[in-house]
Amino acid sequence: ALHDDYFISKKLYPNVDFYSGIILKAIGIPTSMFTVIFAVGRT
């Protein structure tokens, strides 16, 4: 996404959801909890 002309031209850059998903997966948090954690922060 950071180097392919198609993604660059379409401005399809990795967003906050992409990286937060990677972090939460690495920590060991199950996918079903991702939106819950979003809700905690957004409260």
PDB file of all heavy atoms in Angstrom:
ATOM      1  N   ALA A   1       0.818  -1.214   0.000  1.00  0.00           N
ATOM      2  CA  ALA A   1       0.000   0.000   0.000  1.00  0.00           C
ATOM      3  C   ALA A   1       0.849   1.260   0.000  1.00  0.00           C
ATOM      4  O   ALA A   1       0.454   2.286  -0.563  1.00  0.00           O
ATOM      5  CB  ALA A   1      -0.933  -0.005   1.212  1.00  0.00           C
ATOM      6  N   LEU A   2       2.008   1.208   0.637  1.00  0.00           N
ATOM      7  CA  LEU A   2       2.863   2.389   0.730  1.00  0.00           C
ATOM      8  C   LEU A   2       3.709   2.612  -0.514  1.00  0.00           C
ATOM      9  O   LEU A   2       4.261   3.707  -0.691  1.00  0.00           O
ATOM     10  CB  LEU A   2       3.767   2.277   1.969  1.00  0.00           C
ATOM     11  CG  LEU A   2       3.048   2.288   3.337  1.00  0.00           C
ATOM     12  CD1 LEU A   2       4.051   2.082   4.456  1.00  0.00           C
ATOM     13  CD2 LEU A   2       2.266   3.574   3.537  1.00  0.00           C
ATOM     14  N   HIS A   3       3.805   1.610  -1.395  1.00  0.00           N
ATOM     15  CA  HIS A   3       4.697   1.728  -2.555  1.00  0.00           C
ATOM     16  C   HIS A   3       4.018   1.464  -3.901  1.00  0.00           C
ATOM     17  O   HIS A   3       4.554   1.837  -4.930  1.00  0.00           O
ATOM     18  CB  HIS A   3       5.897   0.771  -2.401  1.00  0.00           C
ATOM     19  CG  HIS A   3       6.755   1.081  -1.221  1.00  0.00           C
ATOM     20  ND1 HIS A   3       6.591   0.456   0.007  1.00  0.00           N
ATOM     21  CD2 HIS A   3       7.774   1.966  -1.062  1.00  0.00           C
ATOM     22  CE1 HIS A   3       7.487   0.936   0.861  1.00  0.00           C
ATOM     23  NE2 HIS A   3       8.197   1.857   0.250  1.00  0.00           N
ATOM     24  N   ASP A   4       2.856   0.834  -3.918  1.00  0.00           N
ATOM     25  CA  ASP A   4       2.166   0.508  -5.159  1.00  0.00           C
ATOM     26  C   ASP A   4       1.469   1.754  -5.713  1.00  0.00           C
ATOM     27  O   ASP A   4       0.734   2.443  -5.010  1.00  0.00           O
ATOM     28  CB  ASP A   4       1.146  -0.610  -4.908  1.00  0.00           C
ATOM     29  CG  ASP A   4       0.511  -1.131  -6.185  1.00  0.00           C
ATOM     30  OD1 ASP A   4      -0.295  -0.418  -6.788  1.00  0.00           O
ATOM     31  OD2 ASP A   4       0.801  -2.285  -6.562  1.00  0.00           O
ATOM     32  N   ASP A   5       1.692   2.019  -7.008  1.00  0.00           N
ATOM     33  CA  ASP A   5       1.129   3.226  -7.633  1.00  0.00           C
ATOM     34  C   ASP A   5      -0.388   3.265  -7.544  1.00  0.00           C
ATOM     35  O   ASP A   5      -0.981   4.337  -7.402  1.00  0.00           O
ATOM     36  CB  ASP A   5       1.572   3.320  -9.099  1.00  0.00           C
ATOM     37  CG  ASP A   5       3.049   3.662  -9.242  1.00  0.00           C
ATOM     38  OD1 ASP A   5       3.637   4.180  -8.260  1.00  0.00           O
ATOM     39  OD2 ASP A   5       3.615   3.404 -10.330  1.00  0.00           O
ATOM     40  N   TYR A   6      -1.033   2.104  -7.658  1.00  0.00           N
ATOM     41  CA  TYR A   6      -2.493   2.060  -7.597  1.00  0.00           C
ATOM     42  C   TYR A   6      -2.983   2.577  -6.247  1.00  0.00           C
ATOM     43  O   TYR A   6      -3.888   3.427  -6.178  1.00  0.00           O
ATOM     44  CB  TYR A   6      -2.989   0.634  -7.827  1.00  0.00           C
ATOM     45  CG  TYR A   6      -4.493   0.471  -7.641  1.00  0.00           C
ATOM     46  CD1 TYR A   6      -5.379   0.751  -8.674  1.00  0.00           C
ATOM     47  CD2 TYR A   6      -5.019   0.051  -6.417  1.00  0.00           C
ATOM     48  CE1 TYR A   6      -6.745   0.617  -8.509  1.00  0.00           C
ATOM     49  CE2 TYR A   6      -6.387  -0.095  -6.236  1.00  0.00           C
ATOM     50  CZ  TYR A   6      -7.245   0.193  -7.277  1.00  0.00           C
ATOM     51  OH  TYR A   6      -8.607   0.062  -7.105  1.00  0.00           O
ATOM     52  N   PHE A   7      -2.399   2.065  -5.175  1.00  0.00           N
ATOM     53  CA  PHE A   7      -2.807   2.475  -3.839  1.00  0.00           C
ATOM     54  C   PHE A   7      -2.469   3.942  -3.580  1.00  0.00           C
ATOM     55  O   PHE A   7      -3.254   4.675  -2.969  1.00  0.00           O
ATOM     56  CB  PHE A   7      -2.140   1.585  -2.780  1.00  0.00           C
ATOM     57  CG  PHE A   7      -2.700   0.207  -2.708  1.00  0.00           C
ATOM     58  CD1 PHE A   7      -2.223  -0.795  -3.540  1.00  0.00           C
ATOM     59  CD2 PHE A   7      -3.718  -0.104  -1.824  1.00  0.00           C
ATOM     60  CE1 PHE A   7      -2.743  -2.077  -3.484  1.00  0.00           C
ATOM     61  CE2 PHE A   7      -4.244  -1.390  -1.760  1.00  0.00           C
ATOM     62  CZ  PHE A   7      -3.759  -2.371  -2.598  1.00  0.00           C
ATOM     63  N   ILE A   8      -1.307   4.364  -4.058  1.00  0.00           N
ATOM     64  CA  ILE A   8      -0.892   5.755  -3.854  1.00  0.00           C
ATOM     65  C   ILE A   8      -1.825   6.706  -4.589  1.00  0.00           C
ATOM     66  O   ILE A   8      -2.260   7.715  -4.036  1.00  0.00           O
ATOM     67  CB  ILE A   8       0.571   5.947  -4.302  1.00  0.00           C
ATOM     68  CG1 ILE A   8       1.513   5.121  -3.417  1.00  0.00           C
ATOM     69  CG2 ILE A   8       0.956   7.424  -4.275  1.00  0.00           C
ATOM     70  CD1 ILE A   8       2.947   5.079  -3.901  1.00  0.00           C
ATOM     71  N   SER A   9      -2.164   6.378  -5.833  1.00  0.00           N
ATOM     72  CA  SER A   9      -3.029   7.247  -6.637  1.00  0.00           C
ATOM     73  C   SER A   9      -4.438   7.316  -6.072  1.00  0.00           C
ATOM     74  O   SER A   9      -5.100   8.347  -6.137  1.00  0.00           O
ATOM     75  CB  SER A   9      -3.071   6.767  -8.091  1.00  0.00           C
ATOM     76  OG  SER A   9      -3.671   5.474  -8.191  1.00  0.00           O
ATOM     77  N   LYS A  10      -4.912   6.215  -5.518  1.00  0.00           N
ATOM     78  CA  LYS A  10      -6.246   6.157  -4.923  1.00  0.00           C
ATOM     79  C   LYS A  10      -6.265   6.625  -3.467  1.00  0.00           C
ATOM     80  O   LYS A  10      -7.336   6.660  -2.855  1.00  0.00           O
ATOM     81  CB  LYS A  10      -6.795   4.726  -4.995  1.00  0.00           C
ATOM     82  CG  LYS A  10      -6.971   4.171  -6.405  1.00  0.00           C
ATOM     83  CD  LYS A  10      -8.164   4.711  -7.082  1.00  0.00           C
ATOM     84  CE  LYS A  10      -8.436   4.038  -8.415  1.00  0.00           C
ATOM     85  NZ  LYS A  10      -9.607   4.631  -9.109  1.00  0.00           N
ATOM     86  N   LYS A  11      -5.060   6.954  -2.943  1.00  0.00           N
ATOM     87  CA  LYS A  11      -4.923   7.380  -1.544  1.00  0.00           C
ATOM     88  C   LYS A  11      -5.437   6.307  -0.583  1.00  0.00           C
ATOM     89  O   LYS A  11      -6.064   6.594   0.435  1.00  0.00           O
ATOM     90  CB  LYS A  11      -5.631   8.715  -1.311  1.00  0.00           C
ATOM     91  CG  LYS A  11      -5.021   9.871  -2.095  1.00  0.00           C
ATOM     92  CD  LYS A  11      -5.717  11.187  -1.794  1.00  0.00           C
ATOM     93  CE  LYS A  11      -5.005  12.372  -2.415  1.00  0.00           C
ATOM     94  NZ  LYS A  11      -4.529  12.288  -3.705  1.00  0.00           N
ATOM     95  N   LEU A  12      -5.143   5.048  -0.921  1.00  0.00           N
ATOM     96  CA  LEU A  12      -5.521   3.919  -0.078  1.00  0.00           C
ATOM     97  C   LEU A  12      -4.361   3.574   0.855  1.00  0.00           C
ATOM     98  O   LEU A  12      -3.710   2.549   0.744  1.00  0.00           O
ATOM     99  CB  LEU A  12      -5.913   2.716  -0.947  1.00  0.00           C
ATOM    100  CG  LEU A  12      -7.162   2.900  -1.813  1.00  0.00           C
ATOM    101  CD1 LEU A  12      -7.371   1.696  -2.713  1.00  0.00           C
ATOM    102  CD2 LEU A  12      -8.382   3.107  -0.926  1.00  0.00           C
ATOM    103  N   TYR A  13      -4.093   4.475   1.782  1.00  0.00           N
ATOM    104  CA  TYR A  13      -3.032   4.311   2.758  1.00  0.00           C
ATOM    105  C   TYR A  13      -3.536   3.493   3.951  1.00  0.00           C
ATOM    106  O   TYR A  13      -4.734   3.464   4.233  1.00  0.00           O
ATOM    107  CB  TYR A  13      -2.572   5.685   3.244  1.00  0.00           C
ATOM    108  CG  TYR A  13      -3.760   6.552   3.613  1.00  0.00           C
ATOM    109  CD1 TYR A  13      -4.383   6.434   4.850  1.00  0.00           C
ATOM    110  CD2 TYR A  13      -4.299   7.444   2.688  1.00  0.00           C
ATOM    111  CE1 TYR A  13      -5.488   7.173   5.159  1.00  0.00           C
ATOM    112  CE2 TYR A  13      -5.434   8.187   2.993  1.00  0.00           C
ATOM    113  CZ  TYR A  13      -6.023   8.039   4.231  1.00  0.00           C
ATOM    114  OH  TYR A  13      -7.146   8.763   4.544  1.00  0.00           O
ATOM    115  N   PRO A  14      -2.647   2.799   4.678  1.00  0.00           N
ATOM    116  CA  PRO A  14      -3.093   2.103   5.892  1.00  0.00           C
ATOM    117  C   PRO A  14      -3.623   3.115   6.910  1.00  0.00           C
ATOM    118  O   PRO A  14      -2.978   4.123   7.175  1.00  0.00           O
ATOM    119  CB  PRO A  14      -1.812   1.422   6.401  1.00  0.00           C
ATOM    120  CG  PRO A  14      -0.898   1.359   5.216  1.00  0.00           C
ATOM    121  CD  PRO A  14      -1.209   2.565   4.395  1.00  0.00           C
ATOM    122  N   ASN A  15      -4.813   2.857   7.455  1.00  0.00           N
ATOM    123  CA  ASN A  15      -5.402   3.799   8.390  1.00  0.00           C
ATOM    124  C   ASN A  15      -5.281   3.307   9.830  1.00  0.00           C
ATOM    125  O   ASN A  15      -4.661   2.283  10.106  1.00  0.00           O
ATOM    126  CB  ASN A  15      -6.861   4.085   8.018  1.00  0.00           C
ATOM    127  CG  ASN A  15      -7.727   2.836   8.016  1.00  0.00           C
ATOM    128  OD1 ASN A  15      -7.487   1.896   8.772  1.00  0.00           O
ATOM    129  ND2 ASN A  15      -8.756   2.825   7.168  1.00  0.00           N
ATOM    130  N   VAL A  16      -5.880   4.041  10.754  1.00  0.00           N
ATOM    131  CA  VAL A  16      -5.749   3.729  12.172  1.00  0.00           C
ATOM    132  C   VAL A  16      -6.321   2.353  12.502  1.00  0.00           C
ATOM    133  O   VAL A  16      -5.801   1.643  13.370  1.00  0.00           O
ATOM    134  CB  VAL A  16      -6.417   4.830  13.031  1.00  0.00           C
ATOM    135  CG1 VAL A  16      -7.935   4.814  12.862  1.00  0.00           C
ATOM    136  CG2 VAL A  16      -6.040   4.695  14.501  1.00  0.00           C
ATOM    137  N   ASP A  17      -7.377   1.941  11.797  1.00  0.00           N
ATOM    138  CA  ASP A  17      -7.982   0.638  12.051  1.00  0.00           C
ATOM    139  C   ASP A  17      -7.036  -0.503  11.670  1.00  0.00           C
ATOM    140  O   ASP A  17      -6.988  -1.534  12.341  1.00  0.00           O
ATOM    141  CB  ASP A  17      -9.302   0.498  11.288  1.00  0.00           C
ATOM    142  CG  ASP A  17     -10.341   1.504  11.730  1.00  0.00           C
ATOM    143  OD1 ASP A  17     -10.589   1.595  12.945  1.00  0.00           O
ATOM    144  OD2 ASP A  17     -10.897   2.214  10.879  1.00  0.00           O
ATOM    145  N   PHE A  18      -6.277  -0.295  10.593  1.00  0.00           N
ATOM    146  CA  PHE A  18      -5.328  -1.309  10.151  1.00  0.00           C
ATOM    147  C   PHE A  18      -4.281  -1.562  11.227  1.00  0.00           C
ATOM    148  O   PHE A  18      -4.045  -2.707  11.625  1.00  0.00           O
ATOM    149  CB  PHE A  18      -4.666  -0.861   8.846  1.00  0.00           C
ATOM    150  CG  PHE A  18      -3.686  -1.854   8.280  1.00  0.00           C
ATOM    151  CD1 PHE A  18      -4.125  -2.947   7.567  1.00  0.00           C
ATOM    152  CD2 PHE A  18      -2.325  -1.685   8.455  1.00  0.00           C
ATOM    153  CE1 PHE A  18      -3.220  -3.870   7.046  1.00  0.00           C
ATOM    154  CE2 PHE A  18      -1.415  -2.595   7.943  1.00  0.00           C
ATOM    155  CZ  PHE A  18      -1.870  -3.685   7.230  1.00  0.00           C
ATOM    156  N   TYR A  19      -3.670  -0.503  11.720  1.00  0.00           N
ATOM    157  CA  TYR A  19      -2.596  -0.670  12.701  1.00  0.00           C
ATOM    158  C   TYR A  19      -3.107  -1.083  14.076  1.00  0.00           C
ATOM    159  O   TYR A  19      -2.463  -1.870  14.767  1.00  0.00           O
ATOM    160  CB  TYR A  19      -1.768   0.603  12.796  1.00  0.00           C
ATOM    161  CG  TYR A  19      -0.944   0.871  11.560  1.00  0.00           C
ATOM    162  CD1 TYR A  19      -1.164   1.998  10.777  1.00  0.00           C
ATOM    163  CD2 TYR A  19       0.050  -0.005  11.172  1.00  0.00           C
ATOM    164  CE1 TYR A  19      -0.419   2.241   9.640  1.00  0.00           C
ATOM    165  CE2 TYR A  19       0.816   0.232  10.026  1.00  0.00           C
ATOM    166  CZ  TYR A  19       0.571   1.350   9.272  1.00  0.00           C
ATOM    167  OH  TYR A  19       1.317   1.585   8.133  1.00  0.00           O
ATOM    168  N   SER A  20      -4.268  -0.559  14.478  1.00  0.00           N
ATOM    169  CA  SER A  20      -4.799  -0.960  15.786  1.00  0.00           C
ATOM    170  C   SER A  20      -5.170  -2.435  15.777  1.00  0.00           C
ATOM    171  O   SER A  20      -4.985  -3.138  16.783  1.00  0.00           O
ATOM    172  CB  SER A  20      -6.003  -0.099  16.171  1.00  0.00           C
ATOM    173  OG  SER A  20      -7.099  -0.291  15.293  1.00  0.00           O
ATOM    174  N   GLY A  21      -5.672  -2.926  14.633  1.00  0.00           N
ATOM    175  CA  GLY A  21      -5.973  -4.353  14.522  1.00  0.00           C
ATOM    176  C   GLY A  21      -4.728  -5.205  14.694  1.00  0.00           C
ATOM    177  O   GLY A  21      -4.749  -6.246  15.364  1.00  0.00           O
ATOM    178  N   ILE A  22      -3.606  -4.770  14.085  1.00  0.00           N
ATOM    179  CA  ILE A  22      -2.336  -5.486  14.211  1.00  0.00           C
ATOM    180  C   ILE A  22      -1.886  -5.518  15.675  1.00  0.00           C
ATOM    181  O   ILE A  22      -1.470  -6.561  16.200  1.00  0.00           O
ATOM    182  CB  ILE A  22      -1.254  -4.826  13.338  1.00  0.00           C
ATOM    183  CG1 ILE A  22      -1.577  -5.033  11.853  1.00  0.00           C
ATOM    184  CG2 ILE A  22       0.120  -5.389  13.655  1.00  0.00           C
ATOM    185  CD1 ILE A  22      -0.631  -4.303  10.919  1.00  0.00           C
ATOM    186  N   ILE A  23      -1.964  -4.366  16.345  1.00  0.00           N
ATOM    187  CA  ILE A  23      -1.531  -4.279  17.744  1.00  0.00           C
ATOM    188  C   ILE A  23      -2.359  -5.195  18.631  1.00  0.00           C
ATOM    189  O   ILE A  23      -1.828  -5.969  19.435  1.00  0.00           O
ATOM    190  CB  ILE A  23      -1.620  -2.821  18.247  1.00  0.00           C
ATOM    191  CG1 ILE A  23      -0.599  -1.950  17.525  1.00  0.00           C
ATOM    192  CG2 ILE A  23      -1.391  -2.760  19.763  1.00  0.00           C
ATOM    193  CD1 ILE A  23      -0.762  -0.472  17.809  1.00  0.00           C
ATOM    194  N   LEU A  24      -3.662  -5.103  18.504  1.00  0.00           N
ATOM    195  CA  LEU A  24      -4.546  -5.886  19.371  1.00  0.00           C
ATOM    196  C   LEU A  24      -4.365  -7.383  19.128  1.00  0.00           C
ATOM    197  O   LEU A  24      -4.390  -8.182  20.064  1.00  0.00           O
ATOM    198  CB  LEU A  24      -5.994  -5.463  19.146  1.00  0.00           C
ATOM    199  CG  LEU A  24      -6.316  -4.001  19.528  1.00  0.00           C
ATOM    200  CD1 LEU A  24      -7.740  -3.648  19.147  1.00  0.00           C
ATOM    201  CD2 LEU A  24      -6.094  -3.764  21.017  1.00  0.00           C
ATOM    202  N   LYS A  25      -4.183  -7.760  17.871  1.00  0.00           N
ATOM    203  CA  LYS A  25      -3.922  -9.167  17.552  1.00  0.00           C
ATOM    204  C   LYS A  25      -2.625  -9.627  18.201  1.00  0.00           C
ATOM    205  O   LYS A  25      -2.563 -10.715  18.790  1.00  0.00           O
ATOM    206  CB  LYS A  25      -3.858  -9.340  16.034  1.00  0.00           C
ATOM    207  CG  LYS A  25      -3.358 -10.718  15.558  1.00  0.00           C
ATOM    208  CD  LYS A  25      -4.336 -11.830  15.890  1.00  0.00           C
ATOM    209  CE  LYS A  25      -3.836 -13.165  15.359  1.00  0.00           C
ATOM    210  NZ  LYS A  25      -4.738 -14.287  15.749  1.00  0.00           N
ATOM    211  N   ALA A  26      -1.580  -8.800  18.106  1.00  0.00           N
ATOM    212  CA  ALA A  26      -0.278  -9.162  18.672  1.00  0.00           C
ATOM    213  C   ALA A  26      -0.342  -9.297  20.188  1.00  0.00           C
ATOM    214  O   ALA A  26       0.290 -10.194  20.771  1.00  0.00           O
ATOM    215  CB  ALA A  26       0.767  -8.120  18.275  1.00  0.00           C
ATOM    216  N   ILE A  27      -1.101  -8.425  20.849  1.00  0.00           N
ATOM    217  CA  ILE A  27      -1.226  -8.474  22.304  1.00  0.00           C
ATOM    218  C   ILE A  27      -1.957  -9.734  22.761  1.00  0.00           C
ATOM    219  O   ILE A  27      -1.755 -10.211  23.882  1.00  0.00           O
ATOM    220  CB  ILE A  27      -1.922  -7.203  22.825  1.00  0.00           C
ATOM    221  CG1 ILE A  27      -1.013  -5.977  22.616  1.00  0.00           C
ATOM    222  CG2 ILE A  27      -2.283  -7.319  24.291  1.00  0.00           C
ATOM    223  CD1 ILE A  27      -1.658  -4.658  22.980  1.00  0.00           C
ATOM    224  N   GLY A  28      -2.777 -10.292  21.875  1.00  0.00           N
ATOM    225  CA  GLY A  28      -3.534 -11.485  22.232  1.00  0.00           C
ATOM    226  C   GLY A  28      -4.995 -11.230  22.510  1.00  0.00           C
ATOM    227  O   GLY A  28      -5.699 -12.086  23.056  1.00  0.00           O
ATOM    228  N   ILE A  29      -5.468 -10.051  22.114  1.00  0.00           N
ATOM    229  CA  ILE A  29      -6.867  -9.709  22.310  1.00  0.00           C
ATOM    230  C   ILE A  29      -7.695 -10.295  21.170  1.00  0.00           C
ATOM    231  O   ILE A  29      -7.363 -10.078  19.999  1.00  0.00           O
ATOM    232  CB  ILE A  29      -7.034  -8.186  22.396  1.00  0.00           C
ATOM    233  CG1 ILE A  29      -6.376  -7.680  23.687  1.00  0.00           C
ATOM    234  CG2 ILE A  29      -8.508  -7.782  22.368  1.00  0.00           C
ATOM    235  CD1 ILE A  29      -6.289  -6.181  23.803  1.00  0.00           C
ATOM    236  N   PRO A  30      -8.746 -11.053  21.468  1.00  0.00           N
ATOM    237  CA  PRO A  30      -9.539 -11.676  20.398  1.00  0.00           C
ATOM    238  C   PRO A  30     -10.250 -10.642  19.541  1.00  0.00           C
ATOM    239  O   PRO A  30     -10.577  -9.544  20.006  1.00  0.00           O
ATOM    240  CB  PRO A  30     -10.538 -12.557  21.162  1.00  0.00           C
ATOM    241  CG  PRO A  30     -10.625 -11.953  22.516  1.00  0.00           C
ATOM    242  CD  PRO A  30      -9.268 -11.381  22.804  1.00  0.00           C
ATOM    243  N   THR A  31     -10.501 -11.010  18.305  1.00  0.00           N
ATOM    244  CA  THR A  31     -11.107 -10.085  17.347  1.00  0.00           C
ATOM    245  C   THR A  31     -12.439  -9.544  17.849  1.00  0.00           C
ATOM    246  O   THR A  31     -12.767  -8.373  17.625  1.00  0.00           O
ATOM    247  CB  THR A  31     -11.306 -10.795  15.993  1.00  0.00           C
ATOM    248  OG1 THR A  31     -10.073 -11.367  15.565  1.00  0.00           O
ATOM    249  CG2 THR A  31     -11.781  -9.816  14.935  1.00  0.00           C
ATOM    250  N   SER A  32     -13.214 -10.363  18.526  1.00  0.00           N
ATOM    251  CA  SER A  32     -14.531  -9.938  19.011  1.00  0.00           C
ATOM    252  C   SER A  32     -14.453  -8.793  20.013  1.00  0.00           C
ATOM    253  O   SER A  32     -15.446  -8.110  20.267  1.00  0.00           O
ATOM    254  CB  SER A  32     -15.269 -11.120  19.647  1.00  0.00           C
ATOM    255  OG  SER A  32     -14.552 -11.627  20.760  1.00  0.00           O
ATOM    256  N   MET A  33     -13.262  -8.571  20.601  1.00  0.00           N
ATOM    257  CA  MET A  33     -13.085  -7.509  21.585  1.00  0.00           C
ATOM    258  C   MET A  33     -12.609  -6.195  20.975  1.00  0.00           C
ATOM    259  O   MET A  33     -12.542  -5.179  21.679  1.00  0.00           O
ATOM    260  CB  MET A  33     -12.086  -7.951  22.659  1.00  0.00           C
ATOM    261  CG  MET A  33     -12.631  -8.901  23.697  1.00  0.00           C
ATOM    262  SD  MET A  33     -13.870  -8.138  24.760  1.00  0.00           S
ATOM    263  CE  MET A  33     -12.889  -6.882  25.590  1.00  0.00           C
ATOM    264  N   PHE A  34     -12.272  -6.190  19.695  1.00  0.00           N
ATOM    265  CA  PHE A  34     -11.700  -4.983  19.099  1.00  0.00           C
ATOM    266  C   PHE A  34     -12.633  -3.782  19.226  1.00  0.00           C
ATOM    267  O   PHE A  34     -12.226  -2.689  19.619  1.00  0.00           O
ATOM    268  CB  PHE A  34     -11.358  -5.233  17.625  1.00  0.00           C
ATOM    269  CG  PHE A  34     -10.144  -6.069  17.385  1.00  0.00           C
ATOM    270  CD1 PHE A  34      -9.517  -6.757  18.411  1.00  0.00           C
ATOM    271  CD2 PHE A  34      -9.619  -6.192  16.113  1.00  0.00           C
ATOM    272  CE1 PHE A  34      -8.391  -7.541  18.175  1.00  0.00           C
ATOM    273  CE2 PHE A  34      -8.500  -6.969  15.867  1.00  0.00           C
ATOM    274  CZ  PHE A  34      -7.890  -7.646  16.900  1.00  0.00           C
ATOM    275  N   THR A  35     -13.899  -3.965  18.849  1.00  0.00           N
ATOM    276  CA  THR A  35     -14.843  -2.855  18.885  1.00  0.00           C
ATOM    277  C   THR A  35     -15.139  -2.434  20.320  1.00  0.00           C
ATOM    278  O   THR A  35     -15.390  -1.258  20.598  1.00  0.00           O
ATOM    279  CB  THR A  35     -16.143  -3.224  18.153  1.00  0.00           C
ATOM    280  OG1 THR A  35     -15.842  -3.851  16.909  1.00  0.00           O
ATOM    281  CG2 THR A  35     -16.978  -1.980  17.874  1.00  0.00           C
ATOM    282  N   VAL A  36     -15.093  -3.370  21.239  1.00  0.00           N
ATOM    283  CA  VAL A  36     -15.284  -3.050  22.654  1.00  0.00           C
ATOM    284  C   VAL A  36     -14.197  -2.084  23.123  1.00  0.00           C
ATOM    285  O   VAL A  36     -14.468  -1.109  23.831  1.00  0.00           O
ATOM    286  CB  VAL A  36     -15.270  -4.334  23.510  1.00  0.00           C
ATOM    287  CG1 VAL A  36     -15.340  -3.984  24.994  1.00  0.00           C
ATOM    288  CG2 VAL A  36     -16.428  -5.249  23.110  1.00  0.00           C
ATOM    289  N   ILE A  37     -12.957  -2.350  22.733  1.00  0.00           N
ATOM    290  CA  ILE A  37     -11.849  -1.480  23.110  1.00  0.00           C
ATOM    291  C   ILE A  37     -12.007  -0.100  22.474  1.00  0.00           C
ATOM    292  O   ILE A  37     -11.717   0.925  23.104  1.00  0.00           O
ATOM    293  CB  ILE A  37     -10.516  -2.146  22.722  1.00  0.00           C
ATOM    294  CG1 ILE A  37     -10.263  -3.335  23.655  1.00  0.00           C
ATOM    295  CG2 ILE A  37      -9.352  -1.152  22.759  1.00  0.00           C
ATOM    296  CD1 ILE A  37      -9.133  -4.225  23.235  1.00  0.00           C
ATOM    297  N   PHE A  38     -12.492  -0.052  21.241  1.00  0.00           N
ATOM    298  CA  PHE A  38     -12.828   1.209  20.589  1.00  0.00           C
ATOM    299  C   PHE A  38     -13.847   1.966  21.456  1.00  0.00           C
ATOM    300  O   PHE A  38     -13.700   3.162  21.715  1.00  0.00           O
ATOM    301  CB  PHE A  38     -13.395   0.917  19.199  1.00  0.00           C
ATOM    302  CG  PHE A  38     -13.536   2.105  18.286  1.00  0.00           C
ATOM    303  CD1 PHE A  38     -13.466   1.922  16.917  1.00  0.00           C
ATOM    304  CD2 PHE A  38     -13.769   3.403  18.760  1.00  0.00           C
ATOM    305  CE1 PHE A  38     -13.593   3.004  16.041  1.00  0.00           C
ATOM    306  CE2 PHE A  38     -13.897   4.482  17.885  1.00  0.00           C
ATOM    307  CZ  PHE A  38     -13.828   4.273  16.537  1.00  0.00           C
ATOM    308  N   ALA A  39     -14.859   1.270  21.940  1.00  0.00           N
ATOM    309  CA  ALA A  39     -15.900   1.887  22.763  1.00  0.00           C
ATOM    310  C   ALA A  39     -15.333   2.435  24.070  1.00  0.00           C
ATOM    311  O   ALA A  39     -15.746   3.503  24.536  1.00  0.00           O
ATOM    312  CB  ALA A  39     -17.013   0.883  23.052  1.00  0.00           C
ATOM    313  N   VAL A  40     -14.386   1.714  24.664  1.00  0.00           N
ATOM    314  CA  VAL A  40     -13.757   2.187  25.896  1.00  0.00           C
ATOM    315  C   VAL A  40     -13.078   3.536  25.648  1.00  0.00           C
ATOM    316  O   VAL A  40     -13.272   4.498  26.386  1.00  0.00           O
ATOM    317  CB  VAL A  40     -12.735   1.158  26.425  1.00  0.00           C
ATOM    318  CG1 VAL A  40     -11.952   1.746  27.607  1.00  0.00           C
ATOM    319  CG2 VAL A  40     -13.438  -0.120  26.862  1.00  0.00           C
ATOM    320  N   GLY A  41     -12.272   3.602  24.584  1.00  0.00           N
ATOM    321  CA  GLY A  41     -11.580   4.841  24.267  1.00  0.00           C
ATOM    322  C   GLY A  41     -12.515   5.975  23.899  1.00  0.00           C
ATOM    323  O   GLY A  41     -12.302   7.132  24.280  1.00  0.00           O
ATOM    324  N   ARG A  42     -13.578   5.680  23.172  1.00  0.00           N
ATOM    325  CA  ARG A  42     -14.493   6.693  22.654  1.00  0.00           C
ATOM    326  C   ARG A  42     -15.466   7.208  23.719  1.00  0.00           C
ATOM    327  O   ARG A  42     -16.074   8.254  23.527  1.00  0.00           O
ATOM    328  CB  ARG A  42     -15.264   6.134  21.437  1.00  0.00           C
ATOM    329  CG  ARG A  42     -16.232   7.099  20.747  1.00  0.00           C
ATOM    330  CD  ARG A  42     -15.549   8.411  20.278  1.00  0.00           C
ATOM    331  NE  ARG A  42     -14.421   8.180  19.420  1.00  0.00           N
ATOM    332  CZ  ARG A  42     -14.490   8.014  18.092  1.00  0.00           C
ATOM    333  NH1 ARG A  42     -15.663   8.066  17.474  1.00  0.00           N
ATOM    334  NH2 ARG A  42     -13.383   7.812  17.382  1.00  0.00           N
ATOM    335  N   THR A  43     -15.582   6.529  24.847  1.00  0.00           N
ATOM    336  CA  THR A  43     -16.546   6.917  25.880  1.00  0.00           C
ATOM    337  C   THR A  43     -16.376   8.372  26.291  1.00  0.00           C
ATOM    338  O   THR A  43     -17.348   9.111  26.440  1.00  0.00           O
ATOM    339  CB  THR A  43     -16.429   6.002  27.114  1.00  0.00           C
ATOM    340  OG1 THR A  43     -16.808   4.680  26.737  1.00  0.00           O
ATOM    341  CG2 THR A  43     -17.333   6.474  28.243  1.00  0.00           C
TER     342      THR A  43
END
